[in-house]
Protein backbone atom coordinates (compact mmCIF):
# COMPACT_ATOMS: atom_id res chain seq x y z
CA MET A 1 -302.91 201.14 277.65
CA GLN A 2 -301.93 199.01 274.49
CA LYS A 3 -301.47 202.31 272.55
CA ASP A 4 -299.04 203.39 275.23
CA PHE A 5 -297.04 200.23 274.91
CA ALA A 6 -296.85 200.54 271.12
CA MET A 7 -295.58 204.14 271.41
CA GLN A 8 -293.00 203.11 273.81
CA ARG A 9 -291.96 200.29 271.62
CA LEU A 10 -291.64 202.62 268.55
CA ALA A 11 -289.54 204.97 270.78
CA ILE A 12 -287.25 202.22 271.84
CA LEU A 13 -287.01 200.99 268.29
CA TYR A 14 -285.91 204.31 267.05
CA VAL A 15 -283.37 204.95 269.61
CA ALA A 16 -281.81 201.53 269.50
CA THR A 17 -281.68 201.99 265.67
CA LEU A 18 -280.02 205.13 265.99
CA ALA A 19 -277.64 203.84 268.65
CA VAL A 20 -276.46 201.01 266.14
CA MET A 21 -276.27 202.98 263.01
CA ALA A 22 -274.36 206.10 264.03
CA PRO A 23 -271.44 204.48 265.52
CA LEU A 24 -271.18 201.95 262.78
CA ASP A 25 -271.46 204.90 260.09
CA PHE A 26 -268.71 206.96 261.91
CA LEU A 27 -266.41 203.92 262.10
CA PHE A 28 -266.86 203.09 258.43
CA LEU A 29 -266.61 206.59 257.16
CA GLY A 30 -264.17 208.14 259.61
CA VAL A 31 -261.85 205.12 259.85
CA LEU A 32 -262.39 202.28 257.67
CA ALA A 33 -263.22 203.77 254.20
CA ARG A 34 -261.74 207.24 255.00
CA ASP A 35 -258.67 206.90 252.58
CA PHE A 36 -260.62 205.23 250.02
CA PHE A 37 -263.36 208.05 249.71
CA LYS A 38 -260.54 210.65 249.87
CA SER A 39 -258.55 208.89 247.03
CA GLN A 40 -261.93 208.59 244.98
CA VAL A 41 -263.76 211.96 245.72
CA GLY A 42 -261.49 213.96 247.94
CA GLY A 43 -261.73 217.07 245.48
CA VAL A 44 -265.60 217.21 245.93
CA LEU A 45 -265.55 216.96 249.83
CA GLY A 46 -265.73 220.00 251.66
CA GLU A 47 -265.73 220.62 255.53
CA LEU A 48 -268.35 218.60 257.64
CA ASN A 49 -271.47 220.61 258.10
CA ILE A 50 -272.32 219.33 261.79
CA ALA A 51 -275.95 220.70 261.62
CA ALA A 52 -276.68 218.76 258.37
CA ALA A 53 -274.81 215.61 259.82
CA ILE A 54 -277.06 215.83 262.89
CA ALA A 55 -280.14 216.08 260.92
CA PHE A 56 -279.27 213.02 258.79
CA TYR A 57 -278.52 211.07 261.86
CA LEU A 58 -282.00 212.05 263.38
CA VAL A 59 -283.77 211.53 260.21
CA TYR A 60 -282.46 208.46 258.59
CA PRO A 61 -283.18 205.95 261.47
CA ALA A 62 -286.81 207.27 261.48
CA GLY A 63 -286.74 205.92 257.71
CA ILE A 64 -285.32 202.63 258.73
CA VAL A 65 -288.00 202.29 261.41
CA ILE A 66 -291.00 203.11 259.23
CA PHE A 67 -289.91 201.38 256.15
CA ALA A 68 -288.07 198.33 257.70
CA SER A 69 -288.16 197.52 261.31
CA ASN A 70 -291.38 198.47 262.53
CA ALA A 71 -293.13 197.14 259.51
CA ALA A 72 -291.46 193.66 260.09
CA ASN A 73 -293.66 192.74 263.10
CA GLY A 74 -291.00 191.24 264.84
CA ASN A 75 -289.51 189.11 261.79
CA TRP A 76 -285.81 190.05 261.87
CA GLN A 77 -285.53 188.44 258.21
CA TYR A 78 -288.18 190.79 256.85
CA ALA A 79 -286.44 193.66 258.63
CA ALA A 80 -283.15 192.81 257.06
CA VAL A 81 -284.35 192.46 253.66
CA MET A 82 -286.37 195.61 253.74
CA GLY A 83 -283.58 197.53 255.52
CA ALA A 84 -281.25 196.30 252.72
CA LEU A 85 -283.56 197.62 250.07
CA PHE A 86 -284.40 200.88 251.91
CA GLY A 87 -280.63 201.37 252.17
CA PHE A 88 -280.15 200.78 248.53
CA PHE A 89 -282.78 203.21 247.21
CA CYS A 90 -281.59 205.96 249.69
CA TYR A 91 -277.98 205.61 249.09
CA ALA A 92 -278.45 204.96 245.21
CA THR A 93 -280.47 208.21 245.13
CA PHE A 94 -277.70 210.19 246.52
CA ASP A 95 -274.73 208.52 244.63
CA LEU A 96 -276.44 208.49 241.22
CA THR A 97 -277.38 212.07 241.71
CA SER A 98 -273.79 212.86 242.78
CA LEU A 99 -272.52 210.98 239.57
CA ALA A 100 -275.10 213.04 237.56
CA LEU A 101 -274.17 216.36 238.90
CA LEU A 102 -270.88 216.43 240.66
CA ARG A 103 -267.40 216.46 238.66
CA GLY A 104 -265.21 214.06 240.37
CA TRP A 105 -267.75 211.69 242.06
CA THR A 106 -266.59 208.22 240.87
CA TRP A 107 -268.33 204.93 240.11
CA PRO A 108 -266.05 203.05 242.61
CA ALA A 109 -267.18 205.64 245.38
CA ALA A 110 -270.84 205.15 244.50
CA ALA A 111 -270.69 201.24 244.36
CA VAL A 112 -268.83 201.26 247.85
CA ASP A 113 -271.24 203.81 249.24
CA VAL A 114 -274.59 201.85 247.99
CA GLY A 115 -273.09 198.72 249.28
CA TRP A 116 -272.33 200.22 252.68
CA GLY A 117 -275.76 201.83 252.74
CA MET A 118 -277.32 198.48 252.26
CA PHE A 119 -275.38 196.86 254.82
CA VAL A 120 -275.53 199.48 257.54
CA THR A 121 -279.19 199.92 257.17
CA ALA A 122 -280.09 196.26 257.28
CA VAL A 123 -277.85 195.65 260.28
CA SER A 124 -279.42 198.70 262.00
CA ALA A 125 -282.92 197.32 261.17
CA VAL A 126 -282.28 194.14 262.47
CA SER A 127 -280.29 195.16 265.40
CA GLY A 128 -282.92 197.80 266.51
CA LEU A 129 -285.73 195.49 266.15
CA LEU A 130 -284.09 192.74 268.24
CA ILE A 131 -283.40 195.38 271.05
CA ALA A 132 -286.75 196.78 270.79
CA ASN A 133 -288.22 193.09 271.14
CA ALA A 134 -286.15 192.38 274.08
CA VAL A 135 -286.63 195.51 275.85
CA ALA A 136 -290.32 196.35 275.20
CA ARG A 137 -291.85 192.93 276.25
């Protein structure tokens, strides 16, 4: 019985995290920072690969749950710190690799992207945790 509850809570945590992260990321990348990224790295950007985008939005929230919110045991402050750290390491890995390998990737784009990654991951971890705690009582 307790195992079923834990699995149900984990599923709620994942769905809630995904439901927070995806719209925030679409808003930031598609609206708020769109012109900035086009001006910084527009020459490197291609057409959106829908399958890869879907895969990212299914995988990344699982990482947030595993490494930040589920490990927090209900503590939103811990989820926020671990979410920000997870976001830092994941986004820094992408951006530093892009700086190392791609002509046209810029330091300002990398800095903004890493900062965004930290923010959106921390907010998603905390929000997912709070929603899961409220729903899975």
